Structure formats: C-alpha cells, structure tokens
C-alpha cells in the first residue's frame, strides 16, 4: 500500500501574501504600461468678469451654508428622537437646532454679503 500525501490548503497568511503580491503586480503593470501623456494646458475655470466671480462665490457660500445647516438639523433631530427623555441630550438637540437656524439665516444673507462685496470692489 502506497501512502499519498494530500495537499494541504494554504493558510490564511499565504493567501493574503499571494493576494497582496498579485495586487502589487497589477498596480505595477498599470503604472508602467500606460502611454506617455502629453502635458496640455486646460483652463477649467474662466470667469468673464469680477461680477461673475462674486456670483460664483455667493452660490458656493449659499450651498455650503445650507448643506451644513441641513447636517445640523439632521443631527438635532436624531438627538431629539434617540435622546429618550435625557435632559442632556435634549439640550444638545436644541443647540443643534439653533446652529441649523443660524446656518440657514447666514445662507439667506449670503446674497447681501456678495452685494456689499460688489459695492466695495466696484463691480
């Protein structure tokens, strides 16, 4: 009777090493096989006037402020619901609601700030 040795499955460490080695080889192949790129100057943002720049600033400012206010409103709502009567959590929820309100007011006032900037700059 002949004894045959059954192959053992590779352990996790060897499988992990093989996977990492394969990933490194793929990344190396992708980095070295790419065609050389020509550097081209591409202008992505071109403003025609100062007024256009200030309008873009206003739009970004309003978007960021409204987004942050919405995040604080959501946090306040979650704290209010999951606070389950804890006075500390309820107070934190009120503070988050106040912060959301301030954020929405600032977002609404952003056009006024840009108009003041236009007056200062002379656009």
Protein backbone atom coordinates (compact mmCIF):
# COMPACT_ATOMS: atom_id res chain seq x y z
CA UNK A 1 0.00 0.00 0.00
CA UNK A 2 1.32 3.32 -1.02
CA UNK A 3 0.79 6.40 1.07
CA UNK A 4 -0.07 9.51 -0.85
CA UNK A 5 0.17 12.85 0.64
CA UNK A 6 -2.88 15.03 0.24
CA UNK A 7 -2.09 18.67 -0.42
CA UNK A 8 -2.96 20.98 2.44
CA UNK A 9 -4.85 24.14 1.64
CA UNK A 10 -2.70 27.23 2.00
CA UNK A 11 -3.04 29.04 5.27
CA UNK A 12 -4.57 32.49 5.51
CA UNK A 13 -1.22 34.21 5.75
CA UNK A 14 -0.02 32.67 2.49
CA UNK A 15 -3.30 33.50 0.75
CA UNK A 16 -3.04 37.08 1.97
CA UNK A 17 0.55 37.33 0.75
CA UNK A 18 -0.42 35.96 -2.65
CA UNK A 19 -3.31 38.41 -2.90
CA UNK A 20 -1.10 41.35 -1.96
CA UNK A 21 1.58 40.24 -4.40
CA UNK A 22 -0.99 39.93 -7.18
CA UNK A 23 -2.39 43.38 -6.36
CA UNK A 24 1.10 44.88 -6.39
CA UNK A 25 1.84 43.28 -9.75
CA UNK A 26 -1.40 44.60 -11.23
CA UNK A 27 -0.70 48.13 -9.97
CA UNK A 28 2.86 47.95 -11.24
CA UNK A 29 1.68 46.74 -14.64
CA UNK A 30 -0.88 49.52 -14.85
CA UNK A 31 1.66 52.17 -13.91
CA UNK A 32 4.36 51.01 -16.31
CA UNK A 33 2.21 50.11 -19.30
CA UNK A 34 0.49 53.47 -19.70
CA UNK A 35 1.32 55.57 -22.71
CA UNK A 36 3.20 58.75 -22.02
CA UNK A 37 0.81 61.62 -21.63
CA UNK A 38 1.38 64.98 -23.20
CA UNK A 39 1.02 67.90 -20.86
CA UNK A 40 -1.70 70.16 -22.16
CA UNK A 41 -2.79 73.37 -20.57
CA UNK A 42 -6.51 73.16 -19.93
CA UNK A 43 -8.33 76.05 -18.36
CA UNK A 44 -11.18 74.68 -16.30
CA UNK A 45 -12.46 77.88 -14.78
CA UNK A 46 -12.61 81.04 -16.76
CA UNK A 47 -14.52 83.99 -15.37
CA UNK A 48 -15.55 86.76 -17.70
CA UNK A 49 -15.85 89.45 -15.04
CA UNK A 50 -15.49 90.19 -11.36
CA UNK A 51 -19.27 90.13 -11.05
CA UNK A 52 -19.32 86.55 -12.32
CA UNK A 53 -16.67 85.57 -9.77
CA UNK A 54 -18.66 87.16 -6.95
CA UNK A 55 -21.85 85.43 -8.11
CA UNK A 56 -19.98 82.10 -8.08
CA UNK A 57 -18.73 82.86 -4.57
CA UNK A 58 -22.30 83.62 -3.50
CA UNK A 59 -23.58 80.35 -4.95
CA UNK A 60 -20.85 78.30 -3.28
CA UNK A 61 -21.31 80.08 0.02
CA UNK A 62 -25.06 79.52 -0.01
CA UNK A 63 -24.63 75.86 -0.91
CA UNK A 64 -22.06 75.16 1.78
CA UNK A 65 -24.00 77.01 4.48
CA UNK A 66 -27.30 75.37 3.58
CA UNK A 67 -25.62 71.95 3.48
CA UNK A 68 -24.04 72.40 6.90
CA UNK A 69 -27.31 73.71 8.31
CA UNK A 70 -29.08 70.63 7.00
CA UNK A 71 -26.48 68.41 8.65
CA UNK A 72 -27.01 70.17 11.99
CA UNK A 73 -30.78 69.93 11.57
CA UNK A 74 -30.46 66.19 10.98
CA UNK A 75 -28.15 65.76 13.98
CA UNK A 76 -30.59 67.70 16.15
CA UNK A 77 -33.47 65.55 15.00
CA UNK A 78 -31.60 62.33 15.65
CA UNK A 79 -30.57 63.51 19.12
CA UNK A 80 -34.13 64.56 19.87
CA UNK A 81 -35.55 61.18 18.84
CA UNK A 82 -32.88 58.98 20.38
CA UNK A 83 -32.45 61.13 23.50
CA UNK A 84 -35.36 59.25 25.11
CA UNK A 85 -36.06 61.95 27.67
CA UNK A 86 -32.47 62.53 28.75
CA UNK A 87 -32.26 66.26 29.56
CA UNK A 88 -28.63 66.49 28.42
CA UNK A 89 -29.40 65.02 25.01
CA UNK A 90 -32.49 67.21 24.65
CA UNK A 91 -30.35 70.28 25.36
CA UNK A 92 -27.77 69.17 22.79
CA UNK A 93 -30.60 68.71 20.28
CA UNK A 94 -31.80 72.27 20.96
CA UNK A 95 -28.27 73.58 20.40
CA UNK A 96 -28.06 71.70 17.10
CA UNK A 97 -31.41 73.17 16.03
CA UNK A 98 -30.14 76.65 16.91
CA UNK A 99 -26.99 76.07 14.88
CA UNK A 100 -29.10 74.90 11.94
CA UNK A 101 -31.25 78.01 12.17
CA UNK A 102 -28.19 80.25 12.23
CA UNK A 103 -26.80 78.39 9.21
CA UNK A 104 -30.00 78.88 7.22
CA UNK A 105 -30.09 82.58 8.13
CA UNK A 106 -26.48 83.02 7.02
CA UNK A 107 -27.23 81.17 3.78
CA UNK A 108 -30.15 83.53 3.18
CA UNK A 109 -27.91 86.54 3.88
CA UNK A 110 -25.13 85.38 1.52
CA UNK A 111 -26.50 87.39 -1.44
CA UNK A 112 -26.45 90.52 0.74
CA UNK A 113 -22.81 89.90 1.65
CA UNK A 114 -21.92 89.49 -2.02
CA UNK A 115 -23.73 92.72 -2.89
CA UNK A 116 -21.67 94.52 -0.25
CA UNK A 117 -18.52 92.99 -1.74
CA UNK A 118 -19.60 94.16 -5.19
CA UNK A 119 -20.00 97.67 -3.82
CA UNK A 120 -16.55 97.56 -2.25
CA UNK A 121 -14.86 96.16 -5.34
CA UNK A 122 -16.86 98.36 -7.69
CA UNK A 123 -18.28 95.62 -9.87
